[in-house]
Amino acid sequence: MKKHLKGLALILMMIGISSIGYAQTIYRIQDNKNVSMKLNGTSTFHDWEMDATRAKGEAQLIFSTTNESELASIKALSFTLEVKDLKSDNSKLDKNAYKALKADKYKYISYKLTSSEESPEKGGFLLKTRGKLTIAGTTKDIAMDIHLIINQNTAITYKGSYELNMTDYNVEPPSFMLGAMSTGDALKLDFEVKYIKQNKG
């Protein structure tokens, strides 16, 4: 019996030692501050851009040291953007884009990380990620490079871009002016978003 108890104590001690020093930290997009998301496309007349400065999201990082100086892994990353928060300098283009994206039925564009491989780079980390991107009610598994900057002021910044085709998400490229102006199928999503560290407890 004593042998079993000693063995159990040893296992518990080893588990405790292996977990020492690892810290899980949660970050969230706060008050829609420090959000830059741009949707870039082309048309028969000129290139166009829609911008959003509002979003919601959460990130969970695992650090190998309690002072959060060494990143071990990314446990979670997500963001949600309301379609009608995207604005261009052309209200007619906006209206047709919302219609094409079925914004009344599917209000949000969202992303959720499923896996990530991290490697150090100048100023932060390069994340080779896979995740699920949902547009107009259609979800696709995507691979995307994301740059992570761990700021000194209890915040982190994610930067990246992703190219896609609207038709992959069952979205018909919008047109207006009786079809005289039509947009191209290809889009590019550029983003730079700051997540703020959440206090524990």
Protein backbone atom coordinates (compact mmCIF):
# COMPACT_ATOMS: atom_id res chain seq x y z
CA MET A 1 0.00 0.00 0.00
CA LYS A 2 2.83 2.37 0.91
CA LYS A 3 4.50 1.56 -2.43
CA HIS A 4 1.34 2.55 -4.31
CA LEU A 5 1.03 5.78 -2.33
CA LYS A 6 4.66 6.67 -2.99
CA GLY A 7 4.17 5.97 -6.70
CA LEU A 8 1.07 8.14 -6.81
CA ALA A 9 2.85 10.95 -4.96
CA LEU A 10 5.75 10.76 -7.41
CA ILE A 11 3.41 10.99 -10.42
CA LEU A 12 1.57 13.96 -8.93
CA MET A 13 4.87 15.67 -8.14
CA MET A 14 6.09 15.18 -11.73
CA ILE A 15 2.85 16.60 -13.12
CA GLY A 16 3.21 19.57 -10.81
CA ILE A 17 6.81 20.18 -11.85
CA SER A 18 5.98 19.93 -15.56
CA SER A 19 3.27 22.56 -15.23
CA ILE A 20 5.37 25.02 -13.23
CA GLY A 21 6.28 28.07 -15.25
CA TYR A 22 3.54 27.73 -17.86
CA ALA A 23 1.05 30.58 -17.91
CA GLN A 24 -2.12 30.88 -19.94
CA THR A 25 -3.11 34.45 -20.73
CA ILE A 26 -6.36 35.68 -22.28
CA TYR A 27 -6.55 38.76 -24.51
CA ARG A 28 -9.62 40.40 -26.03
CA ILE A 29 -10.38 43.13 -28.52
CA GLN A 30 -11.47 45.95 -26.23
CA ASP A 31 -13.95 48.76 -26.93
CA ASN A 32 -13.39 48.34 -30.69
CA LYS A 33 -10.08 50.18 -30.33
CA ASN A 34 -6.99 49.60 -32.47
CA VAL A 35 -8.86 47.61 -35.12
CA SER A 36 -8.04 47.93 -38.81
CA MET A 37 -9.66 45.56 -41.28
CA LYS A 38 -9.66 46.25 -45.01
CA LEU A 39 -11.42 44.38 -47.81
CA ASN A 40 -9.75 45.15 -51.14
CA GLY A 41 -11.09 44.32 -54.59
CA THR A 42 -11.20 45.33 -58.24
CA SER A 43 -13.90 46.48 -60.64
CA THR A 44 -14.32 47.35 -64.30
CA PHE A 45 -13.75 51.02 -63.37
CA HIS A 46 -11.20 51.05 -60.54
CA ASP A 47 -9.93 49.23 -57.48
CA TRP A 48 -11.98 49.64 -54.32
CA GLU A 49 -11.52 49.28 -50.58
CA MET A 50 -13.92 48.82 -47.68
CA ASP A 51 -12.66 49.56 -44.16
CA ALA A 52 -13.85 48.53 -40.71
CA THR A 53 -12.60 49.74 -37.33
CA ARG A 54 -14.90 47.61 -35.18
CA ALA A 55 -14.58 43.92 -34.31
CA LYS A 56 -14.83 41.42 -31.48
CA GLY A 57 -12.41 38.65 -30.68
CA GLU A 58 -10.35 36.68 -28.18
CA ALA A 59 -6.88 35.14 -28.07
CA GLN A 60 -5.35 32.68 -25.59
CA LEU A 61 -1.57 32.37 -25.42
CA ILE A 62 0.50 29.85 -23.47
CA PHE A 63 3.83 31.14 -22.14
CA SER A 64 6.66 28.89 -20.94
CA THR A 65 7.64 31.39 -18.25
CA THR A 66 5.48 33.03 -15.61
CA ASN A 67 6.65 36.50 -16.62
CA GLU A 68 5.23 35.83 -20.12
CA SER A 69 8.53 36.46 -21.88
CA GLU A 70 8.67 33.17 -23.82
CA LEU A 71 5.77 32.08 -26.04
CA ALA A 72 5.06 28.33 -25.96
CA SER A 73 1.93 28.07 -28.11
CA ILE A 74 -1.28 29.71 -29.31
CA LYS A 75 -4.27 27.99 -27.74
CA ALA A 76 -7.02 30.07 -29.37
CA LEU A 77 -7.60 33.02 -31.69
CA SER A 78 -10.85 34.38 -33.07
CA PHE A 79 -12.41 37.52 -34.46
CA THR A 80 -15.87 38.52 -35.63
CA LEU A 81 -16.60 41.45 -37.93
CA GLU A 82 -20.07 42.80 -38.70
CA VAL A 83 -20.48 43.02 -42.48
CA LYS A 84 -22.25 46.39 -42.37
CA ASP A 85 -19.33 47.90 -40.44
CA LEU A 86 -17.35 47.66 -43.69
CA LYS A 87 -17.54 51.03 -45.48
CA SER A 88 -16.09 52.42 -48.71
CA ASP A 89 -16.27 55.92 -50.15
CA ASN A 90 -19.13 54.81 -52.40
CA SER A 91 -22.50 54.18 -50.73
CA LYS A 92 -23.85 52.38 -53.82
CA LEU A 93 -20.94 49.96 -53.77
CA ASP A 94 -21.53 49.39 -50.04
CA LYS A 95 -25.22 48.65 -50.61
CA ASN A 96 -24.48 46.15 -53.38
CA ALA A 97 -21.67 44.55 -51.39
CA TYR A 98 -23.98 44.02 -48.39
CA LYS A 99 -26.57 42.48 -50.69
CA ALA A 100 -24.00 40.14 -52.29
CA LEU A 101 -22.68 39.13 -48.86
CA LYS A 102 -26.28 38.46 -47.69
CA ALA A 103 -25.66 40.78 -44.75
CA ASP A 104 -29.29 40.82 -43.62
CA LYS A 105 -29.23 37.03 -43.16
CA TYR A 106 -25.55 36.49 -42.31
CA LYS A 107 -24.50 39.54 -40.31
CA TYR A 108 -20.93 38.54 -39.54
CA ILE A 109 -17.63 37.53 -41.09
CA SER A 110 -15.77 35.37 -38.58
CA TYR A 111 -12.50 33.50 -38.15
CA LYS A 112 -11.51 30.80 -35.66
CA LEU A 113 -8.04 29.29 -35.35
CA THR A 114 -7.76 25.49 -35.40
CA SER A 115 -3.96 25.02 -35.35
CA SER A 116 -0.77 27.06 -35.36
CA GLU A 117 2.98 26.57 -35.72
CA GLU A 118 5.02 29.42 -34.23
CA SER A 119 8.53 30.55 -35.13
CA PRO A 120 10.44 33.64 -33.96
CA GLU A 121 10.91 36.51 -36.41
CA LYS A 122 12.15 40.07 -36.09
CA GLY A 123 9.82 41.93 -33.75
CA GLY A 124 7.68 38.93 -32.80
CA PHE A 125 6.51 35.59 -34.15
CA LEU A 126 5.38 34.17 -37.47
CA LEU A 127 2.34 31.93 -37.10
CA LYS A 128 1.65 29.32 -39.77
CA THR A 129 -2.03 28.84 -39.06
CA ARG A 130 -5.03 26.88 -40.15
CA GLY A 131 -8.51 28.03 -39.28
CA LYS A 132 -12.13 28.37 -40.29
CA LEU A 133 -13.24 31.50 -42.14
CA THR A 134 -16.99 32.08 -42.45
CA ILE A 135 -18.41 34.49 -45.03
CA ALA A 136 -22.08 34.75 -46.06
CA GLY A 137 -22.92 31.59 -44.13
CA THR A 138 -20.24 29.46 -45.85
CA THR A 139 -17.29 28.17 -43.82
CA LYS A 140 -13.96 27.19 -45.37
CA ASP A 141 -10.78 25.74 -43.87
CA ILE A 142 -7.94 28.12 -44.74
CA ALA A 143 -4.17 28.39 -44.28
CA MET A 144 -2.90 31.85 -43.38
CA ASP A 145 0.34 33.44 -42.20
CA ILE A 146 -0.17 35.76 -39.23
CA HIS A 147 2.43 37.99 -37.58
CA LEU A 148 2.20 38.26 -33.79
CA ILE A 149 3.73 41.14 -31.86
CA ILE A 150 3.79 40.90 -28.05
CA ASN A 151 3.70 44.50 -26.84
CA GLN A 152 5.15 45.75 -23.58
CA ASN A 153 1.89 47.40 -22.52
CA THR A 154 -0.03 44.18 -21.76
CA ALA A 155 -1.31 43.86 -25.31
CA ILE A 156 -0.64 41.79 -28.41
CA THR A 157 -1.08 42.69 -32.07
CA TYR A 158 -2.01 40.32 -34.90
CA LYS A 159 -1.26 41.37 -38.49
CA GLY A 160 -1.90 39.49 -41.71
CA SER A 161 -3.66 39.22 -45.03
CA TYR A 162 -5.62 36.59 -46.90
CA GLU A 163 -6.66 36.36 -50.55
CA LEU A 164 -9.90 34.64 -51.54
CA ASN A 165 -12.50 34.40 -54.27
CA MET A 166 -16.05 35.48 -53.51
CA THR A 167 -17.50 32.57 -55.48
CA ASP A 168 -15.73 30.12 -53.13
CA TYR A 169 -18.13 31.38 -50.47
CA ASN A 170 -21.19 31.28 -52.75
CA VAL A 171 -21.08 35.07 -53.14
CA GLU A 172 -21.82 36.52 -56.57
CA PRO A 173 -19.51 39.49 -57.30
CA PRO A 174 -21.75 42.58 -57.06
CA SER A 175 -22.51 44.93 -59.94
CA PHE A 176 -24.48 48.15 -60.30
CA MET A 177 -25.27 50.97 -62.75
CA LEU A 178 -27.35 48.40 -64.70
CA GLY A 179 -24.32 46.13 -64.89
CA ALA A 180 -22.00 48.80 -66.32
CA MET A 181 -19.78 48.42 -63.25
CA SER A 182 -19.00 44.98 -61.91
CA THR A 183 -16.50 43.86 -59.31
CA GLY A 184 -13.90 41.15 -59.75
CA ASP A 185 -14.14 37.79 -58.01
CA ALA A 186 -10.85 38.14 -56.09
CA LEU A 187 -10.71 39.81 -52.68
CA LYS A 188 -7.92 40.51 -50.22
CA LEU A 189 -8.54 40.85 -46.49
CA ASP A 190 -5.87 42.86 -44.65
CA PHE A 191 -6.02 43.15 -40.87
CA GLU A 192 -4.13 44.60 -37.93
CA VAL A 193 -5.85 44.09 -34.60
CA LYS A 194 -4.73 44.73 -31.03
CA TYR A 195 -5.93 42.42 -28.24
CA ILE A 196 -5.76 43.62 -24.62
CA LYS A 197 -4.67 41.39 -21.74
CA GLN A 198 -7.48 40.45 -19.36
CA ASN A 199 -7.01 40.54 -15.62
CA LYS A 200 -7.34 37.18 -13.89
CA GLY A 201 -10.06 36.58 -11.39
